[in-house]
Amino acid sequence: MTDKRALRARMRAIRDAHDRGGPLPLPAAFLAMLRGAGTIAGYMPVGAEADPAPFMHAARAAGLALALPHVIDRPTPLRFLGWDGTAPLATGPFGLLQPPADAPAAVPDIILTPLVAFDARGNRLGQGAGHYDRAFAQFPTARRIGIAWSVQQVEALVPDPWDVPLHAIATELDWIVP
């Protein structure tokens, strides 16, 4: 079994060293997914995380409401709170930019998820606090889309019993559907 702490450190170093270039392309399959959806939860990237901005802009243009994660601390589950795309964001734990705590709660139909690593089966390695694992359990019908750089793909991850696989992963090179 792979030591997740060591794998996270190695994959962060690879991600941080990656020449990111321009924005991620918008796959036609993602644009089709927007039809019938009401709310998309994105995130503001921290450090070298892949930026979901093109996906959020496309969703907004398609009439979807935007939401961002709001984190209090490591053990508390994250909440998705509404954001109009322009309102100032507060700095939260871990350097996250997030809506203020009094923003309205949102129920996402699509969740864009930052990744440390992923595999072609849709397994993901996150930051290790379990925030997205708990959010996926809270919103089981939401489409789970990983946003990452292609260098973050590994051959295989061993999921824990509580891990929920992604429906798709978008990189600068591919739209991967497990």
N, C-alpha and C. Protein backbone atom coordinates (compact mmCIF):
# COMPACT_ATOMS: atom_id res chain seq x y z
N MET A 1 0.85 -1.19 0.00
CA MET A 1 0.00 0.00 0.00
C MET A 1 0.88 1.25 0.00
N THR A 2 0.52 2.23 -0.79
CA THR A 2 1.28 3.46 -0.90
C THR A 2 1.01 4.36 0.29
N ASP A 3 2.06 4.96 0.80
CA ASP A 3 1.93 5.93 1.88
C ASP A 3 1.35 7.22 1.28
N LYS A 4 0.11 7.55 1.66
CA LYS A 4 -0.57 8.71 1.06
C LYS A 4 0.15 10.02 1.36
N ARG A 5 0.73 10.14 2.54
CA ARG A 5 1.44 11.38 2.87
C ARG A 5 2.62 11.58 1.92
N ALA A 6 3.40 10.52 1.69
CA ALA A 6 4.54 10.61 0.77
C ALA A 6 4.08 10.86 -0.66
N LEU A 7 3.00 10.17 -1.07
CA LEU A 7 2.48 10.37 -2.42
C LEU A 7 1.98 11.80 -2.60
N ARG A 8 1.30 12.35 -1.60
CA ARG A 8 0.85 13.74 -1.69
C ARG A 8 2.04 14.69 -1.87
N ALA A 9 3.09 14.49 -1.07
CA ALA A 9 4.27 15.35 -1.17
C ALA A 9 4.90 15.25 -2.56
N ARG A 10 5.02 14.04 -3.06
CA ARG A 10 5.64 13.84 -4.38
C ARG A 10 4.78 14.47 -5.47
N MET A 11 3.47 14.27 -5.42
CA MET A 11 2.59 14.79 -6.46
C MET A 11 2.44 16.30 -6.38
N ARG A 12 2.50 16.87 -5.18
CA ARG A 12 2.49 18.34 -5.08
C ARG A 12 3.74 18.92 -5.72
N ALA A 13 4.88 18.28 -5.49
CA ALA A 13 6.14 18.76 -6.08
C ALA A 13 6.07 18.68 -7.61
N ILE A 14 5.52 17.60 -8.14
CA ILE A 14 5.36 17.46 -9.59
C ILE A 14 4.42 18.54 -10.12
N ARG A 15 3.30 18.73 -9.43
CA ARG A 15 2.32 19.74 -9.85
C ARG A 15 2.93 21.14 -9.80
N ASP A 16 3.67 21.42 -8.73
CA ASP A 16 4.26 22.74 -8.57
C ASP A 16 5.30 23.05 -9.64
N ALA A 17 6.00 22.02 -10.13
CA ALA A 17 7.05 22.21 -11.12
C ALA A 17 6.51 22.22 -12.55
N HIS A 18 5.26 21.85 -12.73
CA HIS A 18 4.66 21.73 -14.07
C HIS A 18 4.50 23.11 -14.71
N ASP A 19 4.88 23.21 -15.98
CA ASP A 19 4.68 24.44 -16.75
C ASP A 19 3.21 24.48 -17.17
N ARG A 20 2.44 25.32 -16.50
CA ARG A 20 1.00 25.30 -16.66
C ARG A 20 0.48 25.89 -17.96
N GLY A 21 1.19 26.77 -18.59
CA GLY A 21 0.72 27.32 -19.86
C GLY A 21 -0.60 28.05 -19.70
N GLY A 22 -1.49 27.87 -20.67
CA GLY A 22 -2.76 28.58 -20.68
C GLY A 22 -3.85 27.85 -19.94
N PRO A 23 -5.08 28.35 -20.08
CA PRO A 23 -6.21 27.74 -19.36
C PRO A 23 -6.57 26.37 -19.93
N LEU A 24 -7.23 25.58 -19.11
CA LEU A 24 -7.70 24.27 -19.55
C LEU A 24 -8.80 24.45 -20.59
N PRO A 25 -8.80 23.61 -21.63
CA PRO A 25 -9.86 23.70 -22.64
C PRO A 25 -11.19 23.18 -22.08
N LEU A 26 -12.26 23.63 -22.69
CA LEU A 26 -13.60 23.19 -22.27
C LEU A 26 -14.06 22.04 -23.15
N PRO A 27 -14.13 20.83 -22.62
CA PRO A 27 -14.60 19.69 -23.42
C PRO A 27 -16.09 19.81 -23.74
N ALA A 28 -16.46 19.36 -24.91
CA ALA A 28 -17.87 19.37 -25.32
C ALA A 28 -18.72 18.57 -24.34
N ALA A 29 -18.17 17.50 -23.79
CA ALA A 29 -18.93 16.68 -22.84
C ALA A 29 -19.26 17.47 -21.58
N PHE A 30 -18.36 18.35 -21.16
CA PHE A 30 -18.65 19.19 -19.99
C PHE A 30 -19.76 20.17 -20.34
N LEU A 31 -19.67 20.81 -21.50
CA LEU A 31 -20.69 21.78 -21.89
C LEU A 31 -22.06 21.12 -21.98
N ALA A 32 -22.12 19.89 -22.45
CA ALA A 32 -23.39 19.16 -22.51
C ALA A 32 -23.93 18.87 -21.11
N MET A 33 -23.04 18.67 -20.17
CA MET A 33 -23.42 18.39 -18.79
C MET A 33 -24.14 19.58 -18.14
N LEU A 34 -23.90 20.76 -18.65
CA LEU A 34 -24.51 21.96 -18.07
C LEU A 34 -26.00 22.04 -18.31
N ARG A 35 -26.46 21.40 -19.38
CA ARG A 35 -27.89 21.42 -19.68
C ARG A 35 -28.65 20.72 -18.56
N GLY A 36 -29.62 21.39 -18.01
CA GLY A 36 -30.44 20.82 -16.95
C GLY A 36 -29.88 21.00 -15.55
N ALA A 37 -28.66 21.50 -15.43
CA ALA A 37 -28.07 21.74 -14.11
C ALA A 37 -28.45 23.14 -13.64
N GLY A 38 -28.51 23.32 -12.33
CA GLY A 38 -28.87 24.62 -11.78
C GLY A 38 -27.71 25.33 -11.09
N THR A 39 -26.83 24.56 -10.42
CA THR A 39 -25.74 25.16 -9.66
C THR A 39 -24.47 24.37 -9.87
N ILE A 40 -23.38 25.07 -10.05
CA ILE A 40 -22.06 24.45 -10.15
C ILE A 40 -21.20 24.98 -9.01
N ALA A 41 -20.55 24.07 -8.31
CA ALA A 41 -19.60 24.44 -7.26
C ALA A 41 -18.20 24.37 -7.84
N GLY A 42 -17.52 25.47 -7.81
CA GLY A 42 -16.14 25.53 -8.27
C GLY A 42 -15.23 25.74 -7.08
N TYR A 43 -14.09 26.34 -7.32
CA TYR A 43 -13.15 26.68 -6.25
C TYR A 43 -12.18 27.70 -6.79
N MET A 44 -11.56 28.42 -5.91
CA MET A 44 -10.49 29.35 -6.29
C MET A 44 -9.18 28.60 -6.06
N PRO A 45 -8.35 28.44 -7.10
CA PRO A 45 -7.15 27.62 -6.95
C PRO A 45 -6.18 28.19 -5.93
N VAL A 46 -5.51 27.29 -5.25
CA VAL A 46 -4.46 27.64 -4.29
C VAL A 46 -3.15 27.13 -4.87
N GLY A 47 -2.16 28.00 -4.94
CA GLY A 47 -0.86 27.60 -5.45
C GLY A 47 -0.95 27.14 -6.89
N ALA A 48 -0.44 25.95 -7.18
CA ALA A 48 -0.37 25.44 -8.54
C ALA A 48 -1.56 24.57 -8.93
N GLU A 49 -2.65 24.61 -8.15
CA GLU A 49 -3.84 23.85 -8.54
C GLU A 49 -4.34 24.33 -9.90
N ALA A 50 -4.87 23.41 -10.69
CA ALA A 50 -5.47 23.78 -11.97
C ALA A 50 -6.66 24.69 -11.72
N ASP A 51 -6.76 25.72 -12.54
CA ASP A 51 -7.79 26.75 -12.36
C ASP A 51 -9.08 26.35 -13.08
N PRO A 52 -10.19 26.25 -12.34
CA PRO A 52 -11.46 25.89 -12.96
C PRO A 52 -12.20 27.08 -13.57
N ALA A 53 -11.58 28.25 -13.63
CA ALA A 53 -12.27 29.46 -14.10
C ALA A 53 -12.97 29.27 -15.45
N PRO A 54 -12.34 28.66 -16.48
CA PRO A 54 -13.06 28.51 -17.75
C PRO A 54 -14.36 27.70 -17.60
N PHE A 55 -14.35 26.71 -16.73
CA PHE A 55 -15.53 25.87 -16.50
C PHE A 55 -16.61 26.67 -15.78
N MET A 56 -16.19 27.48 -14.82
CA MET A 56 -17.15 28.30 -14.07
C MET A 56 -17.74 29.39 -14.97
N HIS A 57 -16.90 30.00 -15.83
CA HIS A 57 -17.41 31.03 -16.75
C HIS A 57 -18.43 30.42 -17.72
N ALA A 58 -18.12 29.23 -18.24
CA ALA A 58 -19.04 28.57 -19.16
C ALA A 58 -20.36 28.24 -18.46
N ALA A 59 -20.28 27.78 -17.22
CA ALA A 59 -21.48 27.46 -16.46
C ALA A 59 -22.31 28.71 -16.22
N ARG A 60 -21.65 29.77 -15.86
CA ARG A 60 -22.35 31.05 -15.63
C ARG A 60 -23.04 31.52 -16.91
N ALA A 61 -22.32 31.41 -18.05
CA ALA A 61 -22.89 31.81 -19.34
C ALA A 61 -24.08 30.94 -19.71
N ALA A 62 -24.10 29.70 -19.24
CA ALA A 62 -25.22 28.79 -19.51
C ALA A 62 -26.37 28.98 -18.52
N GLY A 63 -26.23 29.94 -17.60
CA GLY A 63 -27.31 30.25 -16.67
C GLY A 63 -27.24 29.56 -15.33
N LEU A 64 -26.16 28.84 -15.05
CA LEU A 64 -26.04 28.17 -13.76
C LEU A 64 -25.63 29.16 -12.67
N ALA A 65 -26.08 28.92 -11.48
CA ALA A 65 -25.63 29.67 -10.31
C ALA A 65 -24.26 29.12 -9.90
N LEU A 66 -23.44 29.99 -9.34
CA LEU A 66 -22.10 29.59 -8.88
C LEU A 66 -22.09 29.42 -7.37
N ALA A 67 -21.26 28.49 -6.93
CA ALA A 67 -21.01 28.30 -5.50
C ALA A 67 -19.54 27.99 -5.32
N LEU A 68 -19.05 28.30 -4.14
CA LEU A 68 -17.66 28.00 -3.78
C LEU A 68 -17.66 27.31 -2.42
N PRO A 69 -16.62 26.53 -2.14
CA PRO A 69 -16.55 25.91 -0.82
C PRO A 69 -16.24 26.95 0.25
N HIS A 70 -16.80 26.71 1.42
CA HIS A 70 -16.50 27.52 2.59
C HIS A 70 -16.01 26.56 3.66
N VAL A 71 -14.78 26.78 4.12
CA VAL A 71 -14.15 25.88 5.08
C VAL A 71 -13.94 26.63 6.39
N ILE A 72 -14.26 25.98 7.50
CA ILE A 72 -14.05 26.56 8.82
C ILE A 72 -12.73 26.06 9.41
N ASP A 73 -12.56 24.75 9.37
CA ASP A 73 -11.35 24.14 9.89
C ASP A 73 -11.25 22.72 9.34
N ARG A 74 -10.22 22.00 9.73
CA ARG A 74 -9.99 20.66 9.19
C ARG A 74 -11.13 19.67 9.50
N PRO A 75 -11.62 19.59 10.75
CA PRO A 75 -12.64 18.56 11.02
C PRO A 75 -14.06 18.91 10.57
N THR A 76 -14.37 20.19 10.40
CA THR A 76 -15.73 20.60 10.06
C THR A 76 -15.98 20.40 8.56
N PRO A 77 -17.08 19.74 8.18
CA PRO A 77 -17.38 19.58 6.75
C PRO A 77 -17.48 20.92 6.04
N LEU A 78 -17.02 20.96 4.80
CA LEU A 78 -17.16 22.20 4.03
C LEU A 78 -18.61 22.38 3.64
N ARG A 79 -18.98 23.62 3.40
CA ARG A 79 -20.30 23.95 2.87
C ARG A 79 -20.07 24.63 1.54
N PHE A 80 -21.01 24.48 0.63
CA PHE A 80 -20.97 25.24 -0.61
C PHE A 80 -21.88 26.44 -0.44
N LEU A 81 -21.33 27.62 -0.67
CA LEU A 81 -22.09 28.85 -0.50
C LEU A 81 -22.16 29.59 -1.84
N GLY A 82 -23.28 30.24 -2.07
CA GLY A 82 -23.49 30.96 -3.31
C GLY A 82 -22.51 32.11 -3.48
N TRP A 83 -22.15 32.36 -4.74
CA TRP A 83 -21.25 33.45 -5.09
C TRP A 83 -21.68 33.97 -6.45
N ASP A 84 -21.74 35.28 -6.62
CA ASP A 84 -22.21 35.85 -7.88
C ASP A 84 -21.11 36.01 -8.92
N GLY A 85 -19.92 35.60 -8.60
CA GLY A 85 -18.81 35.70 -9.55
C GLY A 85 -18.02 36.98 -9.44
N THR A 86 -18.52 37.96 -8.68
CA THR A 86 -17.81 39.23 -8.54
C THR A 86 -17.66 39.69 -7.10
N ALA A 87 -18.50 39.21 -6.20
CA ALA A 87 -18.45 39.67 -4.81
C ALA A 87 -17.09 39.35 -4.19
N PRO A 88 -16.62 40.25 -3.32
CA PRO A 88 -15.34 39.98 -2.66
C PRO A 88 -15.37 38.68 -1.88
N LEU A 89 -14.24 38.01 -1.87
CA LEU A 89 -14.11 36.75 -1.14
C LEU A 89 -13.25 36.96 0.09
N ALA A 90 -13.50 36.16 1.10
CA ALA A 90 -12.74 36.23 2.35
C ALA A 90 -11.62 35.19 2.29
N THR A 91 -10.56 35.45 3.02
CA THR A 91 -9.48 34.46 3.12
C THR A 91 -9.81 33.53 4.27
N GLY A 92 -9.87 32.25 3.94
CA GLY A 92 -10.20 31.24 4.93
C GLY A 92 -8.99 30.41 5.29
N PRO A 93 -9.21 29.32 6.00
CA PRO A 93 -8.12 28.42 6.36
C PRO A 93 -7.41 27.88 5.11
N PHE A 94 -6.17 27.52 5.27
CA PHE A 94 -5.36 26.91 4.21
C PHE A 94 -5.15 27.86 3.02
N GLY A 95 -5.39 29.16 3.20
CA GLY A 95 -5.22 30.12 2.12
C GLY A 95 -6.35 30.14 1.11
N LEU A 96 -7.49 29.53 1.45
CA LEU A 96 -8.63 29.48 0.54
C LEU A 96 -9.30 30.84 0.43
N LEU A 97 -9.71 31.19 -0.77
CA LEU A 97 -10.59 32.34 -0.97
C LEU A 97 -12.00 31.79 -1.04
N GLN A 98 -12.88 32.31 -0.20
CA GLN A 98 -14.21 31.74 -0.07
C GLN A 98 -15.24 32.82 0.22
N PRO A 99 -16.52 32.52 -0.05
CA PRO A 99 -17.57 33.48 0.29
C PRO A 99 -17.63 33.67 1.80
N PRO A 100 -18.15 34.81 2.24
CA PRO A 100 -18.32 34.99 3.69
C PRO A 100 -19.31 33.98 4.26
N ALA A 101 -19.19 33.71 5.54
CA ALA A 101 -20.00 32.68 6.20
C ALA A 101 -21.50 32.92 6.09
N ASP A 102 -21.92 34.17 5.87
CA ASP A 102 -23.35 34.46 5.80
C ASP A 102 -23.91 34.39 4.37
N ALA A 103 -23.10 33.98 3.41
CA ALA A 103 -23.60 33.79 2.04
C ALA A 103 -24.60 32.64 2.04
N PRO A 104 -25.54 32.64 1.11
CA PRO A 104 -26.56 31.58 1.11
C PRO A 104 -25.97 30.21 0.77
N ALA A 105 -26.50 29.19 1.44
CA ALA A 105 -26.08 27.81 1.17
C ALA A 105 -26.54 27.42 -0.23
N ALA A 106 -25.76 26.57 -0.88
CA ALA A 106 -26.07 26.12 -2.23
C ALA A 106 -26.06 24.60 -2.27
N VAL A 107 -26.86 24.06 -3.17
CA VAL A 107 -26.90 22.62 -3.42
C VAL A 107 -26.39 22.41 -4.85
N PRO A 108 -25.16 21.92 -4.98
CA PRO A 108 -24.59 21.82 -6.33
C PRO A 108 -25.10 20.61 -7.11
N ASP A 109 -25.27 20.82 -8.42
CA ASP A 109 -25.55 19.73 -9.35
C ASP A 109 -24.25 19.20 -9.95
N ILE A 110 -23.23 20.05 -9.98
CA ILE A 110 -21.90 19.70 -10.48
C ILE A 110 -20.90 20.23 -9.47
N ILE A 111 -19.92 19.40 -9.12
CA ILE A 111 -18.87 19.83 -8.19
C ILE A 111 -17.52 19.71 -8.91
N LEU A 112 -16.88 20.86 -9.14
CA LEU A 112 -15.53 20.89 -9.69
C LEU A 112 -14.57 20.72 -8.52
N THR A 113 -13.66 19.77 -8.64
CA THR A 113 -12.85 19.35 -7.51
C THR A 113 -11.37 19.49 -7.79
N PRO A 114 -10.63 20.19 -6.92
CA PRO A 114 -9.18 20.23 -7.08
C PRO A 114 -8.58 18.88 -6.69
N LEU A 115 -7.47 18.54 -7.30
CA LEU A 115 -6.84 17.24 -7.07
C LEU A 115 -5.36 17.39 -6.76
N VAL A 116 -4.85 16.47 -5.98
CA VAL A 116 -3.40 16.31 -5.83
C VAL A 116 -2.94 15.25 -6.83
N ALA A 117 -3.72 14.17 -6.96
CA ALA A 117 -3.44 13.11 -7.94
C ALA A 117 -4.75 12.43 -8.30
N PHE A 118 -4.73 11.71 -9.43
CA PHE A 118 -5.90 10.95 -9.87
C PHE A 118 -5.43 9.79 -10.73
N ASP A 119 -6.34 8.82 -10.93
CA ASP A 119 -6.05 7.76 -11.88
C ASP A 119 -7.19 7.68 -12.89
N ALA A 120 -7.00 6.87 -13.92
CA ALA A 120 -7.98 6.79 -15.01
C ALA A 120 -9.28 6.11 -14.59
N ARG A 121 -9.32 5.50 -13.41
CA ARG A 121 -10.55 4.88 -12.91
C ARG A 121 -11.42 5.89 -12.15
N GLY A 122 -10.96 7.15 -12.05
CA GLY A 122 -11.73 8.17 -11.36
C GLY A 122 -11.42 8.31 -9.89
N ASN A 123 -10.43 7.57 -9.40
CA ASN A 123 -10.02 7.73 -8.01
C ASN A 123 -9.22 9.02 -7.89
N ARG A 124 -9.34 9.67 -6.74
CA ARG A 124 -8.65 10.93 -6.52
C ARG A 124 -7.92 10.93 -5.20
N LEU A 125 -6.86 11.70 -5.18
CA LEU A 125 -6.14 11.97 -3.94
C LEU A 125 -6.25 13.46 -3.71
N GLY A 126 -6.86 13.82 -2.59
CA GLY A 126 -7.02 15.23 -2.26
C GLY A 126 -5.99 15.67 -1.24
N GLN A 127 -6.30 16.75 -0.55
CA GLN A 127 -5.36 17.33 0.40
C GLN A 127 -5.23 16.51 1.69
N GLY A 128 -6.21 15.66 1.96
CA GLY A 128 -6.10 14.79 3.12
C GLY A 128 -7.02 15.10 4.27
N ALA A 129 -7.81 16.17 4.17
CA ALA A 129 -8.71 16.52 5.26
C ALA A 129 -10.09 15.85 5.11
N GLY A 130 -10.37 15.28 3.95
CA GLY A 130 -11.65 14.62 3.73
C GLY A 130 -12.80 15.55 3.41
N HIS A 131 -12.51 16.83 3.16
CA HIS A 131 -13.60 17.77 2.90
C HIS A 131 -14.45 17.36 1.70
N TYR A 132 -13.80 17.04 0.58
CA TYR A 132 -14.57 16.70 -0.61
C TYR A 132 -15.21 15.32 -0.49
N ASP A 133 -14.57 14.38 0.19
CA ASP A 133 -15.19 13.07 0.40
C ASP A 133 -16.53 13.25 1.13
N ARG A 134 -16.55 14.08 2.15
CA ARG A 134 -17.78 14.31 2.90
C ARG A 134 -18.80 15.09 2.07
N ALA A 135 -18.33 16.02 1.24
CA ALA A 135 -19.25 16.77 0.38
C ALA A 135 -19.88 15.84 -0.65
N PHE A 136 -19.09 14.92 -1.20
CA PHE A 136 -19.65 13.97 -2.17
C PHE A 136 -20.72 13.11 -1.52
N ALA A 137 -20.50 12.72 -0.27
CA ALA A 137 -21.50 11.92 0.45
C ALA A 137 -22.76 12.75 0.72
N GLN A 138 -22.58 14.03 0.99
CA GLN A 138 -23.73 14.90 1.27
C GLN A 138 -24.54 15.19 0.00
N PHE A 139 -23.86 15.24 -1.15
CA PHE A 139 -24.53 15.55 -2.42
C PHE A 139 -24.29 14.40 -3.41
N PRO A 140 -24.87 13.22 -3.14
CA PRO A 140 -24.53 12.02 -3.93
C PRO A 140 -24.95 12.08 -5.40
N THR A 141 -25.90 12.93 -5.74
CA THR A 141 -26.33 12.99 -7.14
C THR A 141 -25.56 14.03 -7.96
N ALA A 142 -24.74 14.82 -7.30
CA ALA A 142 -23.95 15.82 -8.02
C ALA A 142 -22.90 15.13 -8.90
N ARG A 143 -22.68 15.69 -10.08
CA ARG A 143 -21.62 15.19 -10.98
C ARG A 143 -20.29 15.67 -10.43
N ARG A 144 -19.36 14.75 -10.24
CA ARG A 144 -18.06 15.04 -9.63
C ARG A 144 -16.99 15.11 -10.73
N ILE A 145 -16.46 16.32 -10.93
CA ILE A 145 -15.50 16.55 -12.01
C ILE A 145 -14.17 17.01 -11.40
N GLY A 146 -13.13 16.23 -11.59
CA GLY A 146 -11.80 16.62 -11.14
C GLY A 146 -11.18 17.57 -12.14
N ILE A 147 -10.49 18.57 -11.63
CA ILE A 147 -9.77 19.54 -12.46
C ILE A 147 -8.29 19.42 -12.09
N ALA A 148 -7.45 19.08 -13.07
CA ALA A 148 -6.05 18.80 -12.75
C ALA A 148 -5.17 19.00 -13.97
N TRP A 149 -3.89 18.94 -13.74
CA TRP A 149 -2.90 18.92 -14.81
C TRP A 149 -2.60 17.47 -15.15
N SER A 150 -2.29 17.20 -16.39
CA SER A 150 -2.03 15.82 -16.82
C SER A 150 -0.90 15.16 -16.03
N VAL A 151 0.06 15.94 -15.55
CA VAL A 151 1.18 15.36 -14.78
C VAL A 151 0.74 14.83 -13.42
N GLN A 152 -0.49 15.09 -13.03
CA GLN A 152 -1.00 14.61 -11.75
C GLN A 152 -1.60 13.21 -11.85
N GLN A 153 -1.66 12.66 -13.06
CA GLN A 153 -2.21 11.32 -13.23
C GLN A 153 -1.17 10.28 -12.82
N VAL A 154 -1.63 9.31 -12.04
CA VAL A 154 -0.81 8.18 -11.64
C VAL A 154 -1.44 6.90 -12.19
N GLU A 155 -0.67 5.84 -12.21
CA GLU A 155 -1.19 4.59 -12.78
C GLU A 155 -2.40 4.08 -12.01
N ALA A 156 -2.30 4.06 -10.69
CA ALA A 156 -3.42 3.56 -9.90
C ALA A 156 -3.35 4.11 -8.48
N LEU A 157 -4.50 4.45 -7.94
CA LEU A 157 -4.65 4.82 -6.54
C LEU A 157 -5.49 3.74 -5.86
N VAL A 158 -5.19 3.48 -4.62
CA VAL A 158 -5.98 2.52 -3.86
C VAL A 158 -6.98 3.33 -3.02
N PRO A 159 -8.25 3.27 -3.40
CA PRO A 159 -9.23 4.08 -2.65
C PRO A 159 -9.52 3.49 -1.27
N ASP A 160 -9.82 4.39 -0.34
CA ASP A 160 -10.30 3.97 0.97
C ASP A 160 -11.79 3.68 0.84
N PRO A 161 -12.38 2.98 1.81
CA PRO A 161 -13.81 2.64 1.72
C PRO A 161 -14.73 3.86 1.58
N TRP A 162 -14.33 5.00 2.10
CA TRP A 162 -15.19 6.19 2.06
C TRP A 162 -14.97 7.03 0.80
N ASP A 163 -13.98 6.69 -0.03
CA ASP A 163 -13.70 7.46 -1.23
C ASP A 163 -14.79 7.24 -2.28
N VAL A 164 -15.20 8.32 -2.90
CA VAL A 164 -16.20 8.28 -3.97
C VAL A 164 -15.49 8.67 -5.26
N PRO A 165 -15.58 7.84 -6.31
CA PRO A 165 -14.87 8.17 -7.54
C PRO A 165 -15.48 9.35 -8.28
N LEU A 166 -14.66 9.95 -9.11
CA LEU A 166 -15.10 11.07 -9.95
C LEU A 166 -15.84 10.54 -11.17
N HIS A 167 -16.72 11.37 -11.71
CA HIS A 167 -17.40 11.02 -12.97
C HIS A 167 -16.51 11.31 -14.16
N ALA A 168 -15.64 12.32 -14.03
CA ALA A 168 -14.73 12.69 -15.13
C ALA A 168 -13.60 13.53 -14.55
N ILE A 169 -12.51 13.61 -15.31
CA ILE A 169 -11.37 14.46 -14.95
C ILE A 169 -11.01 15.28 -16.18
N ALA A 170 -10.89 16.58 -16.00
CA ALA A 170 -10.46 17.48 -17.08
C ALA A 170 -9.02 17.87 -16.84
N THR A 171 -8.20 17.71 -17.87
CA THR A 171 -6.81 18.20 -17.83
C THR A 171 -6.60 19.07 -19.08
N GLU A 172 -5.41 19.62 -19.21
CA GLU A 172 -5.09 20.42 -20.39
C GLU A 172 -5.00 19.55 -21.65
N LEU A 173 -4.92 18.22 -21.47
CA LEU A 173 -4.77 17.32 -22.61
C LEU A 173 -5.99 16.46 -22.89
N ASP A 174 -6.83 16.23 -21.88
CA ASP A 174 -7.84 15.20 -22.01
C ASP A 174 -9.08 15.46 -21.18
N TRP A 175 -10.15 14.80 -21.57
CA TRP A 175 -11.37 14.66 -20.77
C TRP A 175 -11.47 13.17 -20.51
N ILE A 176 -11.20 12.77 -19.29
CA ILE A 176 -11.09 11.36 -18.93
C ILE A 176 -12.38 10.93 -18.24
N VAL A 177 -13.03 9.93 -18.81
CA VAL A 177 -14.25 9.38 -18.22
C VAL A 177 -13.93 7.94 -17.79
N PRO A 178 -13.97 7.67 -16.51
CA PRO A 178 -13.65 6.31 -16.03
C PRO A 178 -14.64 5.27 -16.58
